[in-house]
Amino acid sequence: MLAVLVVSFVLSLAIIPLVGVEYMPQQDQGFLFMEVELPAGTRYEETTRVCRQIGNTIRENAPELKSLIITTGVTEDVENMIFSPKKASNYGKIEMTLVSKNQRTAGAKEIISRLRPLLDNIPGTVIRFTTTDPIGEMIIGASADFSIDIYGHDLEQGVEFANNLVNALMKIDNLKDLEISQKLARPEMQVKVNREKASSLGLNVSDIARGVELYFSGDRT
């Protein structure tokens, strides 16, 4: 079954040059959005440092830039970000506003093509560009030009197949910002509090939980 899927997909790639219609092209609305992902468990301060480094590179190489906003410690899940915010210390986003079209000669995609090589060599960092904001993506669909759905009963096997497929697709020119939406669970650590000892030190569970969060994720206030 997987072999049939791969063969069908490869054959579909062959006809891409023959397709002359783009039904929902990405529009140049004067905004660029970037998602920054570091390895799970990365401290908030390190994510902030990397995002600021990226922001400085953008400012130095994008004269079309009007303003730039950096947010770190955000969720990678659009629905959770809107309806039930969850914080993840290894994620960041950068929102860029460009000057009006009559004040620049480069389009949004051209600016992305210029910036991408300058940001590809940051160790352990995955960077994804889009011209559609996350809320817009949820309303009108993903910002990618095309997507591939993989179905099955074994999550681990499905993710492994998806990773292999992404590695194969990365060898195709002009395919950028490849992403797997479904990921395996993040590593978790359970902390069991000795309430008796905590009480003798004047601490409660809430105090300890806050201290653990500060140690691993930093202070977002």
N, C-alpha and C. Protein backbone atom coordinates (compact mmCIF):
# COMPACT_ATOMS: atom_id res chain seq x y z
N MET A 1 0.83 -1.21 0.00
CA MET A 1 0.00 0.00 0.00
C MET A 1 0.86 1.25 0.00
N LEU A 2 1.90 1.27 0.87
CA LEU A 2 2.80 2.42 0.93
C LEU A 2 3.53 2.57 -0.39
N ALA A 3 3.90 1.43 -1.00
CA ALA A 3 4.62 1.49 -2.28
C ALA A 3 3.75 2.13 -3.35
N VAL A 4 2.46 1.78 -3.36
CA VAL A 4 1.53 2.38 -4.32
C VAL A 4 1.42 3.87 -4.10
N LEU A 5 1.37 4.29 -2.83
CA LEU A 5 1.29 5.72 -2.50
C LEU A 5 2.51 6.46 -3.02
N VAL A 6 3.70 5.90 -2.81
CA VAL A 6 4.93 6.55 -3.24
C VAL A 6 4.98 6.65 -4.75
N VAL A 7 4.63 5.56 -5.46
CA VAL A 7 4.65 5.57 -6.93
C VAL A 7 3.67 6.60 -7.46
N SER A 8 2.47 6.63 -6.88
CA SER A 8 1.46 7.61 -7.32
C SER A 8 1.94 9.03 -7.10
N PHE A 9 2.60 9.27 -5.96
CA PHE A 9 3.08 10.61 -5.67
C PHE A 9 4.18 11.03 -6.63
N VAL A 10 5.13 10.11 -6.91
CA VAL A 10 6.22 10.42 -7.84
C VAL A 10 5.67 10.73 -9.21
N LEU A 11 4.67 9.96 -9.66
CA LEU A 11 4.06 10.23 -10.95
C LEU A 11 3.37 11.59 -10.96
N SER A 12 2.76 11.95 -9.84
CA SER A 12 2.08 13.24 -9.77
C SER A 12 3.07 14.39 -9.87
N LEU A 13 4.29 14.21 -9.32
CA LEU A 13 5.30 15.25 -9.42
C LEU A 13 5.69 15.51 -10.87
N ALA A 14 5.64 14.47 -11.68
CA ALA A 14 6.05 14.60 -13.08
C ALA A 14 5.14 15.52 -13.86
N ILE A 15 3.87 15.66 -13.43
CA ILE A 15 2.94 16.50 -14.19
C ILE A 15 2.85 17.91 -13.64
N ILE A 16 3.59 18.20 -12.55
CA ILE A 16 3.52 19.54 -11.97
C ILE A 16 3.84 20.63 -12.98
N PRO A 17 4.91 20.47 -13.83
CA PRO A 17 5.22 21.53 -14.79
C PRO A 17 4.10 21.77 -15.79
N LEU A 18 3.19 20.78 -15.97
CA LEU A 18 2.13 20.91 -16.95
C LEU A 18 0.90 21.62 -16.39
N VAL A 19 0.86 21.77 -15.10
CA VAL A 19 -0.30 22.40 -14.47
C VAL A 19 -0.13 23.91 -14.51
N GLY A 20 -1.08 24.60 -15.15
CA GLY A 20 -0.92 26.03 -15.34
C GLY A 20 -1.77 26.89 -14.45
N VAL A 21 -2.49 26.29 -13.52
CA VAL A 21 -3.41 27.05 -12.68
C VAL A 21 -3.04 26.87 -11.22
N GLU A 22 -2.97 27.97 -10.49
CA GLU A 22 -2.76 27.92 -9.04
C GLU A 22 -4.03 28.46 -8.41
N TYR A 23 -4.80 27.58 -7.77
CA TYR A 23 -6.14 27.96 -7.33
C TYR A 23 -6.13 28.92 -6.15
N MET A 24 -5.19 28.74 -5.21
CA MET A 24 -5.11 29.63 -4.06
C MET A 24 -3.68 30.09 -3.87
N PRO A 25 -3.17 30.95 -4.77
CA PRO A 25 -1.78 31.39 -4.67
C PRO A 25 -1.55 32.23 -3.43
N GLN A 26 -0.34 32.16 -2.90
CA GLN A 26 0.00 33.01 -1.77
C GLN A 26 0.08 34.46 -2.24
N GLN A 27 -0.59 35.34 -1.53
CA GLN A 27 -0.65 36.74 -1.91
C GLN A 27 0.43 37.55 -1.21
N ASP A 28 0.91 38.58 -1.90
CA ASP A 28 1.85 39.52 -1.29
C ASP A 28 1.04 40.63 -0.64
N GLN A 29 0.74 40.45 0.63
CA GLN A 29 -0.05 41.43 1.38
C GLN A 29 0.83 42.36 2.20
N GLY A 30 2.15 42.23 2.02
CA GLY A 30 3.05 43.10 2.76
C GLY A 30 3.45 42.55 4.11
N PHE A 31 3.21 41.26 4.33
CA PHE A 31 3.58 40.63 5.60
C PHE A 31 4.35 39.34 5.34
N LEU A 32 5.30 39.05 6.22
CA LEU A 32 6.00 37.77 6.20
C LEU A 32 5.94 37.19 7.61
N PHE A 33 5.80 35.90 7.70
CA PHE A 33 5.74 35.22 9.00
C PHE A 33 6.77 34.10 9.02
N MET A 34 7.41 33.94 10.15
CA MET A 34 8.43 32.92 10.29
C MET A 34 8.21 32.14 11.58
N GLU A 35 8.27 30.82 11.48
CA GLU A 35 8.23 29.96 12.66
C GLU A 35 9.64 29.45 12.92
N VAL A 36 10.06 29.51 14.17
CA VAL A 36 11.40 29.06 14.56
C VAL A 36 11.24 27.92 15.57
N GLU A 37 11.84 26.79 15.26
CA GLU A 37 11.74 25.62 16.15
C GLU A 37 13.13 25.13 16.53
N LEU A 38 13.39 25.05 17.82
CA LEU A 38 14.63 24.49 18.34
C LEU A 38 14.32 23.13 18.96
N PRO A 39 15.33 22.34 19.32
CA PRO A 39 15.07 21.02 19.89
C PRO A 39 14.20 21.10 21.14
N ALA A 40 13.35 20.09 21.34
CA ALA A 40 12.48 20.05 22.52
C ALA A 40 13.31 20.15 23.79
N GLY A 41 12.85 20.99 24.72
CA GLY A 41 13.57 21.17 25.97
C GLY A 41 14.51 22.36 25.98
N THR A 42 14.66 23.02 24.83
CA THR A 42 15.52 24.21 24.78
C THR A 42 14.96 25.28 25.71
N ARG A 43 15.83 25.90 26.49
CA ARG A 43 15.37 26.93 27.43
C ARG A 43 14.84 28.15 26.69
N TYR A 44 13.90 28.80 27.32
CA TYR A 44 13.27 30.00 26.75
C TYR A 44 14.31 31.06 26.41
N GLU A 45 15.31 31.24 27.29
CA GLU A 45 16.34 32.27 27.05
C GLU A 45 17.14 31.98 25.79
N GLU A 46 17.42 30.69 25.53
CA GLU A 46 18.18 30.32 24.33
C GLU A 46 17.34 30.54 23.08
N THR A 47 16.06 30.19 23.16
CA THR A 47 15.16 30.43 22.03
C THR A 47 15.08 31.92 21.73
N THR A 48 14.99 32.74 22.79
CA THR A 48 14.95 34.19 22.61
C THR A 48 16.23 34.70 21.97
N ARG A 49 17.37 34.17 22.41
CA ARG A 49 18.66 34.60 21.84
C ARG A 49 18.73 34.28 20.35
N VAL A 50 18.31 33.07 19.98
CA VAL A 50 18.35 32.67 18.57
C VAL A 50 17.40 33.52 17.74
N CYS A 51 16.20 33.77 18.26
CA CYS A 51 15.23 34.58 17.51
C CYS A 51 15.72 36.01 17.33
N ARG A 52 16.39 36.56 18.35
CA ARG A 52 16.94 37.91 18.21
C ARG A 52 18.08 37.93 17.20
N GLN A 53 18.87 36.86 17.17
CA GLN A 53 19.94 36.75 16.17
C GLN A 53 19.34 36.73 14.76
N ILE A 54 18.27 35.97 14.60
CA ILE A 54 17.58 35.92 13.31
C ILE A 54 17.01 37.29 12.96
N GLY A 55 16.40 37.95 13.95
CA GLY A 55 15.84 39.28 13.72
C GLY A 55 16.89 40.27 13.26
N ASN A 56 18.08 40.22 13.85
CA ASN A 56 19.17 41.12 13.45
C ASN A 56 19.60 40.85 12.01
N THR A 57 19.66 39.56 11.64
CA THR A 57 20.03 39.21 10.27
C THR A 57 19.00 39.73 9.28
N ILE A 58 17.73 39.63 9.64
CA ILE A 58 16.67 40.12 8.77
C ILE A 58 16.78 41.64 8.60
N ARG A 59 16.98 42.36 9.69
CA ARG A 59 17.08 43.82 9.62
C ARG A 59 18.25 44.26 8.73
N GLU A 60 19.35 43.51 8.80
CA GLU A 60 20.55 43.88 8.04
C GLU A 60 20.42 43.57 6.56
N ASN A 61 19.53 42.66 6.20
CA ASN A 61 19.49 42.19 4.81
C ASN A 61 18.14 42.37 4.13
N ALA A 62 17.21 43.05 4.78
CA ALA A 62 15.90 43.29 4.18
C ALA A 62 15.55 44.77 4.30
N PRO A 63 16.05 45.59 3.38
CA PRO A 63 15.73 47.03 3.43
C PRO A 63 14.24 47.30 3.25
N GLU A 64 13.51 46.30 2.76
CA GLU A 64 12.07 46.46 2.57
C GLU A 64 11.30 46.35 3.88
N LEU A 65 12.00 46.03 4.96
CA LEU A 65 11.35 45.81 6.25
C LEU A 65 10.88 47.12 6.87
N LYS A 66 9.63 47.13 7.33
CA LYS A 66 9.08 48.30 8.03
C LYS A 66 9.11 48.09 9.54
N SER A 67 8.70 46.91 9.98
CA SER A 67 8.73 46.60 11.41
C SER A 67 8.85 45.09 11.59
N LEU A 68 9.27 44.70 12.80
CA LEU A 68 9.50 43.28 13.08
C LEU A 68 9.12 43.00 14.54
N ILE A 69 8.35 41.96 14.76
CA ILE A 69 7.94 41.57 16.11
C ILE A 69 8.38 40.14 16.38
N ILE A 70 9.05 39.92 17.50
CA ILE A 70 9.52 38.59 17.88
C ILE A 70 8.74 38.12 19.10
N THR A 71 8.21 36.91 19.03
CA THR A 71 7.52 36.30 20.16
C THR A 71 8.13 34.92 20.40
N THR A 72 8.53 34.64 21.63
CA THR A 72 9.11 33.33 21.93
C THR A 72 8.30 32.64 23.03
N GLY A 73 8.43 31.32 23.07
CA GLY A 73 7.67 30.54 24.04
C GLY A 73 6.24 30.35 23.63
N VAL A 74 5.99 30.27 22.31
CA VAL A 74 4.62 30.12 21.81
C VAL A 74 4.39 28.68 21.38
N THR A 75 3.13 28.31 21.27
CA THR A 75 2.78 26.97 20.82
C THR A 75 2.95 26.85 19.32
N GLU A 76 3.21 25.63 18.83
CA GLU A 76 3.28 25.39 17.40
C GLU A 76 1.92 25.00 16.85
N ASP A 77 0.92 24.85 17.71
CA ASP A 77 -0.41 24.40 17.33
C ASP A 77 -1.32 25.60 17.21
N VAL A 78 -1.78 25.90 16.00
CA VAL A 78 -2.58 27.10 15.76
C VAL A 78 -3.87 27.10 16.57
N GLU A 79 -4.57 25.97 16.61
CA GLU A 79 -5.83 25.92 17.35
C GLU A 79 -5.61 26.13 18.84
N ASN A 80 -4.58 25.51 19.39
CA ASN A 80 -4.29 25.70 20.81
C ASN A 80 -3.89 27.14 21.08
N MET A 81 -3.15 27.74 20.13
CA MET A 81 -2.67 29.11 20.31
C MET A 81 -3.85 30.08 20.43
N ILE A 82 -4.95 29.77 19.74
CA ILE A 82 -6.10 30.68 19.74
C ILE A 82 -7.07 30.36 20.87
N PHE A 83 -7.41 29.08 21.02
CA PHE A 83 -8.47 28.71 21.94
C PHE A 83 -7.98 28.28 23.32
N SER A 84 -6.82 27.67 23.39
CA SER A 84 -6.29 27.19 24.67
C SER A 84 -4.78 27.30 24.64
N PRO A 85 -4.25 28.50 24.83
CA PRO A 85 -2.81 28.73 24.64
C PRO A 85 -1.94 27.80 25.48
N LYS A 86 -0.93 27.22 24.83
CA LYS A 86 0.05 26.39 25.52
C LYS A 86 1.43 26.95 25.21
N LYS A 87 2.28 26.98 26.20
CA LYS A 87 3.61 27.55 26.02
C LYS A 87 4.61 26.45 25.74
N ALA A 88 5.51 26.70 24.82
CA ALA A 88 6.58 25.76 24.50
C ALA A 88 7.86 26.56 24.37
N SER A 89 8.81 26.30 25.25
CA SER A 89 10.00 27.15 25.32
C SER A 89 10.89 27.06 24.10
N ASN A 90 10.71 26.04 23.27
CA ASN A 90 11.59 25.86 22.10
C ASN A 90 11.00 26.42 20.81
N TYR A 91 9.88 27.12 20.90
CA TYR A 91 9.26 27.69 19.71
C TYR A 91 9.27 29.22 19.75
N GLY A 92 9.39 29.81 18.57
CA GLY A 92 9.31 31.25 18.45
C GLY A 92 8.68 31.62 17.13
N LYS A 93 8.19 32.82 17.03
CA LYS A 93 7.66 33.30 15.75
C LYS A 93 8.10 34.73 15.54
N ILE A 94 8.28 35.07 14.28
CA ILE A 94 8.70 36.42 13.91
C ILE A 94 7.73 36.94 12.86
N GLU A 95 7.12 38.06 13.14
CA GLU A 95 6.17 38.69 12.22
C GLU A 95 6.82 39.93 11.63
N MET A 96 6.82 40.00 10.30
CA MET A 96 7.47 41.12 9.61
C MET A 96 6.45 41.89 8.77
N THR A 97 6.49 43.20 8.89
CA THR A 97 5.68 44.07 8.05
C THR A 97 6.60 44.75 7.05
N LEU A 98 6.24 44.69 5.77
CA LEU A 98 7.04 45.30 4.72
C LEU A 98 6.49 46.67 4.36
N VAL A 99 7.33 47.49 3.76
CA VAL A 99 6.86 48.77 3.25
C VAL A 99 5.89 48.49 2.10
N SER A 100 5.12 49.48 1.71
CA SER A 100 4.13 49.28 0.65
C SER A 100 4.80 48.87 -0.66
N LYS A 101 4.04 48.24 -1.54
CA LYS A 101 4.59 47.70 -2.78
C LYS A 101 5.25 48.77 -3.65
N ASN A 102 4.70 50.00 -3.62
CA ASN A 102 5.28 51.05 -4.47
C ASN A 102 6.58 51.61 -3.91
N GLN A 103 6.98 51.12 -2.72
CA GLN A 103 8.24 51.56 -2.12
C GLN A 103 9.33 50.48 -2.19
N ARG A 104 9.02 49.36 -2.82
CA ARG A 104 10.01 48.28 -2.93
C ARG A 104 9.92 47.62 -4.30
N THR A 105 11.04 47.06 -4.70
CA THR A 105 11.10 46.39 -6.00
C THR A 105 10.99 44.88 -5.86
N ALA A 106 11.19 44.35 -4.66
CA ALA A 106 11.15 42.91 -4.43
C ALA A 106 9.81 42.49 -3.84
N GLY A 107 9.29 41.37 -4.32
CA GLY A 107 8.07 40.82 -3.76
C GLY A 107 8.37 40.00 -2.52
N ALA A 108 7.32 39.56 -1.84
CA ALA A 108 7.48 38.81 -0.60
C ALA A 108 8.30 37.54 -0.81
N LYS A 109 7.99 36.79 -1.89
CA LYS A 109 8.72 35.54 -2.14
C LYS A 109 10.18 35.80 -2.48
N GLU A 110 10.45 36.91 -3.17
CA GLU A 110 11.84 37.25 -3.48
C GLU A 110 12.62 37.57 -2.21
N ILE A 111 11.98 38.24 -1.28
CA ILE A 111 12.64 38.57 0.00
C ILE A 111 12.92 37.29 0.78
N ILE A 112 11.96 36.36 0.77
CA ILE A 112 12.17 35.07 1.44
C ILE A 112 13.35 34.34 0.82
N SER A 113 13.42 34.33 -0.51
CA SER A 113 14.52 33.65 -1.20
C SER A 113 15.87 34.27 -0.86
N ARG A 114 15.88 35.56 -0.60
CA ARG A 114 17.12 36.25 -0.24
C ARG A 114 17.53 35.92 1.20
N LEU A 115 16.56 35.84 2.09
CA LEU A 115 16.86 35.63 3.51
C LEU A 115 17.17 34.17 3.83
N ARG A 116 16.53 33.25 3.13
CA ARG A 116 16.63 31.83 3.48
C ARG A 116 18.07 31.32 3.58
N PRO A 117 18.94 31.58 2.58
CA PRO A 117 20.31 31.06 2.67
C PRO A 117 21.09 31.63 3.85
N LEU A 118 20.71 32.83 4.30
CA LEU A 118 21.42 33.46 5.42
C LEU A 118 21.04 32.83 6.76
N LEU A 119 19.94 32.09 6.78
CA LEU A 119 19.43 31.55 8.05
C LEU A 119 19.47 30.02 8.10
N ASP A 120 19.96 29.40 7.04
CA ASP A 120 19.94 27.94 6.96
C ASP A 120 20.98 27.26 7.82
N ASN A 121 21.97 28.01 8.28
CA ASN A 121 23.10 27.37 8.97
C ASN A 121 23.10 27.57 10.48
N ILE A 122 21.96 27.93 11.05
CA ILE A 122 21.89 28.07 12.51
C ILE A 122 21.72 26.67 13.10
N PRO A 123 22.69 26.19 13.88
CA PRO A 123 22.67 24.81 14.37
C PRO A 123 21.40 24.46 15.15
N GLY A 124 20.83 23.29 14.84
CA GLY A 124 19.69 22.78 15.60
C GLY A 124 18.41 23.55 15.46
N THR A 125 18.32 24.41 14.45
CA THR A 125 17.15 25.27 14.29
C THR A 125 16.42 24.97 12.99
N VAL A 126 15.11 24.83 13.07
CA VAL A 126 14.27 24.66 11.89
C VAL A 126 13.49 25.95 11.69
N ILE A 127 13.59 26.52 10.49
CA ILE A 127 12.92 27.79 10.20
C ILE A 127 11.95 27.60 9.05
N ARG A 128 10.73 28.09 9.21
CA ARG A 128 9.73 27.98 8.16
C ARG A 128 9.16 29.37 7.86
N PHE A 129 9.11 29.71 6.58
CA PHE A 129 8.55 30.98 6.13
C PHE A 129 7.14 30.78 5.61
N THR A 130 6.33 31.80 5.73
CA THR A 130 5.02 31.82 5.09
C THR A 130 4.61 33.27 4.89
N THR A 131 3.71 33.49 3.95
CA THR A 131 3.16 34.83 3.76
C THR A 131 1.75 34.93 4.35
N THR A 132 1.32 33.86 5.02
CA THR A 132 0.00 33.81 5.63
C THR A 132 0.12 33.69 7.13
N ASP A 133 -0.62 34.50 7.87
CA ASP A 133 -0.55 34.44 9.32
C ASP A 133 -1.23 33.16 9.82
N PRO A 134 -0.88 32.68 11.03
CA PRO A 134 -1.43 31.42 11.54
C PRO A 134 -2.94 31.38 11.60
N ILE A 135 -3.60 32.49 11.96
CA ILE A 135 -5.06 32.51 12.02
C ILE A 135 -5.63 32.36 10.62
N GLY A 136 -5.00 33.04 9.65
CA GLY A 136 -5.44 32.91 8.27
C GLY A 136 -5.30 31.49 7.76
N GLU A 137 -4.22 30.82 8.16
CA GLU A 137 -4.02 29.43 7.76
C GLU A 137 -5.15 28.55 8.26
N MET A 138 -5.60 28.80 9.49
CA MET A 138 -6.66 27.97 10.06
C MET A 138 -7.98 28.19 9.33
N ILE A 139 -8.20 29.42 8.84
CA ILE A 139 -9.47 29.76 8.20
C ILE A 139 -9.51 29.27 6.76
N ILE A 140 -8.42 29.53 5.99
CA ILE A 140 -8.44 29.20 4.57
C ILE A 140 -7.65 27.95 4.24
N GLY A 141 -6.97 27.38 5.24
CA GLY A 141 -6.19 26.18 4.99
C GLY A 141 -4.71 26.47 5.09
N ALA A 142 -3.90 25.41 4.94
CA ALA A 142 -2.45 25.55 5.07
C ALA A 142 -1.90 26.48 4.01
N SER A 143 -0.79 27.14 4.33
CA SER A 143 -0.19 28.09 3.40
C SER A 143 0.67 27.40 2.36
N ALA A 144 0.89 26.10 2.48
CA ALA A 144 1.75 25.39 1.54
C ALA A 144 1.06 25.27 0.18
N ASP A 145 1.87 25.11 -0.88
CA ASP A 145 1.32 24.95 -2.22
C ASP A 145 0.65 23.59 -2.38
N PHE A 146 1.14 22.58 -1.69
CA PHE A 146 0.45 21.30 -1.69
C PHE A 146 0.81 20.54 -0.42
N SER A 147 -0.02 19.57 -0.06
CA SER A 147 0.22 18.78 1.14
C SER A 147 -0.05 17.31 0.84
N ILE A 148 0.52 16.44 1.66
CA ILE A 148 0.35 15.00 1.50
C ILE A 148 -0.22 14.45 2.80
N ASP A 149 -1.31 13.71 2.71
CA ASP A 149 -1.91 13.09 3.89
C ASP A 149 -1.51 11.62 3.95
N ILE A 150 -1.10 11.19 5.13
CA ILE A 150 -0.72 9.79 5.35
C ILE A 150 -1.65 9.22 6.42
N TYR A 151 -2.30 8.10 6.11
CA TYR A 151 -3.25 7.50 7.04
C TYR A 151 -2.74 6.12 7.48
N GLY A 152 -3.06 5.75 8.70
CA GLY A 152 -2.67 4.44 9.20
C GLY A 152 -3.04 4.29 10.67
N HIS A 153 -2.85 3.10 11.21
CA HIS A 153 -3.22 2.82 12.60
C HIS A 153 -2.03 2.90 13.55
N ASP A 154 -0.82 2.94 13.01
CA ASP A 154 0.38 2.95 13.84
C ASP A 154 1.04 4.32 13.73
N LEU A 155 0.93 5.14 14.79
CA LEU A 155 1.45 6.51 14.74
C LEU A 155 2.95 6.53 14.50
N GLU A 156 3.69 5.69 15.23
CA GLU A 156 5.15 5.70 15.10
C GLU A 156 5.57 5.31 13.68
N GLN A 157 4.92 4.31 13.12
CA GLN A 157 5.25 3.90 11.75
C GLN A 157 4.89 5.00 10.76
N GLY A 158 3.77 5.68 11.01
CA GLY A 158 3.36 6.77 10.13
C GLY A 158 4.34 7.92 10.15
N VAL A 159 4.80 8.30 11.36
CA VAL A 159 5.77 9.39 11.48
C VAL A 159 7.10 8.99 10.84
N GLU A 160 7.50 7.72 11.01
CA GLU A 160 8.74 7.25 10.39
C GLU A 160 8.64 7.33 8.87
N PHE A 161 7.51 6.91 8.32
CA PHE A 161 7.31 6.99 6.87
C PHE A 161 7.31 8.44 6.41
N ALA A 162 6.66 9.32 7.18
CA ALA A 162 6.62 10.74 6.83
C ALA A 162 8.02 11.34 6.83
N ASN A 163 8.85 10.97 7.81
CA ASN A 163 10.23 11.47 7.85
C ASN A 163 11.01 11.00 6.63
N ASN A 164 10.84 9.74 6.25
CA ASN A 164 11.53 9.22 5.06
C ASN A 164 11.06 9.94 3.80
N LEU A 165 9.76 10.23 3.74
CA LEU A 165 9.22 10.93 2.58
C LEU A 165 9.77 12.35 2.50
N VAL A 166 9.84 13.04 3.66
CA VAL A 166 10.40 14.39 3.68
C VAL A 166 11.85 14.38 3.23
N ASN A 167 12.63 13.41 3.69
CA ASN A 167 14.03 13.31 3.28
C ASN A 167 14.16 13.14 1.78
N ALA A 168 13.23 12.38 1.18
CA ALA A 168 13.25 12.20 -0.27
C ALA A 168 12.85 13.48 -0.99
N LEU A 169 11.84 14.17 -0.46
CA LEU A 169 11.36 15.40 -1.10
C LEU A 169 12.39 16.52 -1.02
N MET A 170 13.21 16.51 0.02
CA MET A 170 14.22 17.56 0.17
C MET A 170 15.24 17.55 -0.96
N LYS A 171 15.32 16.43 -1.69
CA LYS A 171 16.26 16.33 -2.80
C LYS A 171 15.72 16.96 -4.08
N ILE A 172 14.45 17.37 -4.03
CA ILE A 172 13.82 17.99 -5.19
C ILE A 172 14.00 19.50 -5.12
N ASP A 173 14.54 20.08 -6.18
CA ASP A 173 14.77 21.52 -6.22
C ASP A 173 13.44 22.27 -6.08
N ASN A 174 13.52 23.43 -5.44
CA ASN A 174 12.39 24.36 -5.31
C ASN A 174 11.33 23.92 -4.30
N LEU A 175 11.54 22.81 -3.60
CA LEU A 175 10.65 22.45 -2.50
C LEU A 175 11.27 22.94 -1.21
N LYS A 176 10.58 23.84 -0.53
CA LYS A 176 11.12 24.44 0.70
C LYS A 176 10.10 24.34 1.83
N ASP A 177 10.59 24.55 3.05
CA ASP A 177 9.72 24.61 4.23
C ASP A 177 8.87 23.35 4.38
N LEU A 178 9.49 22.20 4.20
CA LEU A 178 8.78 20.93 4.40
C LEU A 178 8.53 20.71 5.89
N GLU A 179 7.35 20.28 6.23
CA GLU A 179 6.99 20.13 7.64
C GLU A 179 6.06 18.95 7.83
N ILE A 180 6.27 18.22 8.92
CA ILE A 180 5.37 17.14 9.32
C ILE A 180 4.48 17.67 10.43
N SER A 181 3.18 17.70 10.20
CA SER A 181 2.28 18.30 11.18
C SER A 181 2.11 17.43 12.42
N GLN A 182 2.12 16.11 12.24
CA GLN A 182 1.96 15.20 13.38
C GLN A 182 3.34 14.79 13.89
N LYS A 183 3.57 15.00 15.17
CA LYS A 183 4.86 14.66 15.76
C LYS A 183 4.64 13.73 16.94
N LEU A 184 5.67 12.94 17.22
CA LEU A 184 5.60 12.07 18.38
C LEU A 184 5.61 12.90 19.65
N ALA A 185 5.14 12.32 20.72
CA ALA A 185 5.04 13.05 21.99
C ALA A 185 6.40 13.56 22.44
N ARG A 186 6.39 14.74 23.05
CA ARG A 186 7.62 15.29 23.59
C ARG A 186 8.04 14.49 24.82
N PRO A 187 9.33 14.47 25.10
CA PRO A 187 9.77 13.80 26.34
C PRO A 187 9.19 14.49 27.56
N GLU A 188 8.76 13.71 28.53
CA GLU A 188 8.16 14.27 29.74
C GLU A 188 8.91 13.80 30.98
N MET A 189 8.87 14.62 32.00
CA MET A 189 9.48 14.29 33.28
C MET A 189 8.44 14.53 34.37
N GLN A 190 8.22 13.55 35.20
CA GLN A 190 7.27 13.69 36.30
C GLN A 190 8.02 14.02 37.59
N VAL A 191 7.52 15.01 38.30
CA VAL A 191 8.13 15.43 39.57
C VAL A 191 7.15 15.11 40.70
N LYS A 192 7.58 14.25 41.60
CA LYS A 192 6.75 13.90 42.76
C LYS A 192 7.26 14.67 43.98
N VAL A 193 6.40 15.45 44.56
CA VAL A 193 6.77 16.33 45.67
C VAL A 193 6.59 15.60 47.00
N ASN A 194 7.62 15.66 47.82
CA ASN A 194 7.51 15.17 49.20
C ASN A 194 6.84 16.29 50.00
N ARG A 195 5.55 16.19 50.15
CA ARG A 195 4.77 17.28 50.74
C ARG A 195 5.20 17.57 52.19
N GLU A 196 5.61 16.54 52.90
CA GLU A 196 6.01 16.73 54.29
C GLU A 196 7.27 17.59 54.37
N LYS A 197 8.27 17.26 53.54
CA LYS A 197 9.51 18.04 53.53
C LYS A 197 9.25 19.45 52.99
N ALA A 198 8.40 19.53 51.96
CA ALA A 198 8.09 20.83 51.39
C ALA A 198 7.44 21.73 52.43
N SER A 199 6.52 21.16 53.19
CA SER A 199 5.82 21.93 54.22
C SER A 199 6.79 22.42 55.29
N SER A 200 7.78 21.58 55.64
CA SER A 200 8.75 21.99 56.66
C SER A 200 9.61 23.15 56.20
N LEU A 201 9.70 23.32 54.86
CA LEU A 201 10.48 24.42 54.29
C LEU A 201 9.60 25.62 53.94
N GLY A 202 8.31 25.50 54.25
CA GLY A 202 7.39 26.60 53.96
C GLY A 202 6.99 26.68 52.50
N LEU A 203 7.05 25.55 51.79
CA LEU A 203 6.72 25.53 50.37
C LEU A 203 5.47 24.71 50.13
N ASN A 204 4.71 25.09 49.10
CA ASN A 204 3.59 24.26 48.68
C ASN A 204 3.84 23.78 47.25
N VAL A 205 2.95 22.95 46.73
CA VAL A 205 3.14 22.37 45.40
C VAL A 205 3.20 23.46 44.33
N SER A 206 2.39 24.49 44.48
CA SER A 206 2.37 25.58 43.50
C SER A 206 3.72 26.29 43.45
N ASP A 207 4.33 26.53 44.60
CA ASP A 207 5.64 27.18 44.64
C ASP A 207 6.69 26.34 43.92
N ILE A 208 6.66 25.04 44.16
CA ILE A 208 7.64 24.14 43.54
C ILE A 208 7.42 24.06 42.04
N ALA A 209 6.16 23.98 41.62
CA ALA A 209 5.84 23.92 40.18
C ALA A 209 6.34 25.17 39.48
N ARG A 210 6.16 26.32 40.11
CA ARG A 210 6.63 27.58 39.53
C ARG A 210 8.15 27.59 39.43
N GLY A 211 8.83 27.07 40.46
CA GLY A 211 10.29 27.01 40.43
C GLY A 211 10.81 26.11 39.33
N VAL A 212 10.15 24.96 39.14
CA VAL A 212 10.56 24.03 38.07
C VAL A 212 10.35 24.67 36.70
N GLU A 213 9.21 25.35 36.53
CA GLU A 213 8.93 26.01 35.25
C GLU A 213 9.98 27.08 34.94
N LEU A 214 10.34 27.87 35.95
CA LEU A 214 11.35 28.90 35.76
C LEU A 214 12.69 28.29 35.37
N TYR A 215 13.03 27.16 35.99
CA TYR A 215 14.33 26.53 35.73
C TYR A 215 14.42 26.04 34.28
N PHE A 216 13.35 25.43 33.78
CA PHE A 216 13.40 24.84 32.44
C PHE A 216 12.99 25.81 31.34
N SER A 217 12.06 26.71 31.63
CA SER A 217 11.51 27.56 30.57
C SER A 217 11.88 29.02 30.68
N GLY A 218 12.41 29.44 31.83
CA GLY A 218 12.73 30.85 31.99
C GLY A 218 11.52 31.65 32.41
N ASP A 219 11.71 32.95 32.56
CA ASP A 219 10.65 33.85 33.02
C ASP A 219 10.10 34.61 31.84
N ARG A 220 8.79 34.48 31.57
CA ARG A 220 8.17 35.16 30.43
C ARG A 220 7.50 36.47 30.84
N THR A 221 7.58 36.84 32.10
CA THR A 221 6.88 38.05 32.53
C THR A 221 7.66 39.28 32.13
